[in-house]
Protein backbone atom coordinates (compact mmCIF):
# COMPACT_ATOMS: atom_id res chain seq x y z
CA MET A 1 -97.71 -85.38 69.49
CA LYS A 2 -98.77 -84.55 73.03
CA VAL A 3 -101.75 -86.42 74.43
CA PHE A 4 -103.70 -85.36 77.51
CA ALA A 5 -106.36 -87.31 79.40
CA VAL A 6 -109.00 -85.65 81.52
CA GLU A 7 -110.96 -87.67 84.04
CA TYR A 8 -113.42 -86.19 86.48
CA VAL A 9 -116.33 -87.04 88.74
CA TYR A 10 -119.56 -85.07 88.60
CA ALA A 11 -120.84 -83.30 91.69
CA GLU A 12 -123.83 -84.84 93.39
CA ASP A 13 -127.19 -83.35 92.41
CA SER A 14 -125.79 -81.94 89.15
CA GLU A 15 -127.66 -84.17 86.69
CA GLU A 16 -130.29 -81.56 85.73
CA LEU A 17 -127.66 -78.91 84.98
CA ARG A 18 -125.48 -81.39 83.06
CA ASN A 19 -128.43 -82.50 80.93
CA GLU A 20 -129.25 -78.88 80.14
CA HIS A 21 -125.76 -78.13 78.83
CA ARG A 22 -124.81 -81.51 77.36
CA PRO A 23 -126.07 -80.93 73.76
CA THR A 24 -124.07 -77.71 73.39
CA HIS A 25 -120.99 -79.26 74.98
CA ARG A 26 -121.14 -82.32 72.71
CA GLY A 27 -121.49 -80.06 69.67
CA TYR A 28 -118.39 -78.17 70.76
CA LEU A 29 -116.43 -81.40 71.23
CA SER A 30 -117.53 -82.78 67.86
CA GLU A 31 -115.76 -79.86 66.17
CA PHE A 32 -112.48 -81.29 67.48
CA LEU A 33 -113.33 -84.79 66.22
CA GLU A 34 -113.70 -83.45 62.69
CA SER A 35 -110.70 -81.13 62.91
CA ASP A 36 -107.30 -81.47 61.28
CA GLY A 37 -106.09 -78.53 63.36
CA PRO A 38 -103.61 -78.45 66.23
CA VAL A 39 -106.21 -79.70 68.74
CA GLN A 40 -107.91 -83.02 68.09
CA LEU A 41 -110.23 -85.06 70.25
CA LEU A 42 -109.32 -88.75 70.24
CA ALA A 43 -112.09 -90.06 72.51
CA SER A 44 -114.85 -88.79 74.73
CA GLY A 45 -117.51 -90.31 76.94
CA PRO A 46 -118.15 -92.13 80.19
CA CYS A 47 -115.80 -94.76 81.49
CA PRO A 48 -117.41 -98.04 80.42
CA ILE A 49 -116.51 -99.75 83.70
CA THR A 50 -117.60 -97.10 86.20
CA ASP A 51 -119.63 -94.71 84.06
CA GLY A 52 -117.90 -91.93 85.99
CA ARG A 53 -119.06 -93.21 89.37
CA TYR A 54 -116.72 -94.54 92.05
């Protein structure tokens, strides 16, 4: 099984846009959590140490 990790930092002043699209994006990701298909999501969310901020 191949496993990929994606880590990224949000652009400054993007909070309003992120909040607008977050519910739809989380719904999309949840489909992969419940899937037995070829693509599965193992984990998702902010880094507990940095919460995505450096």
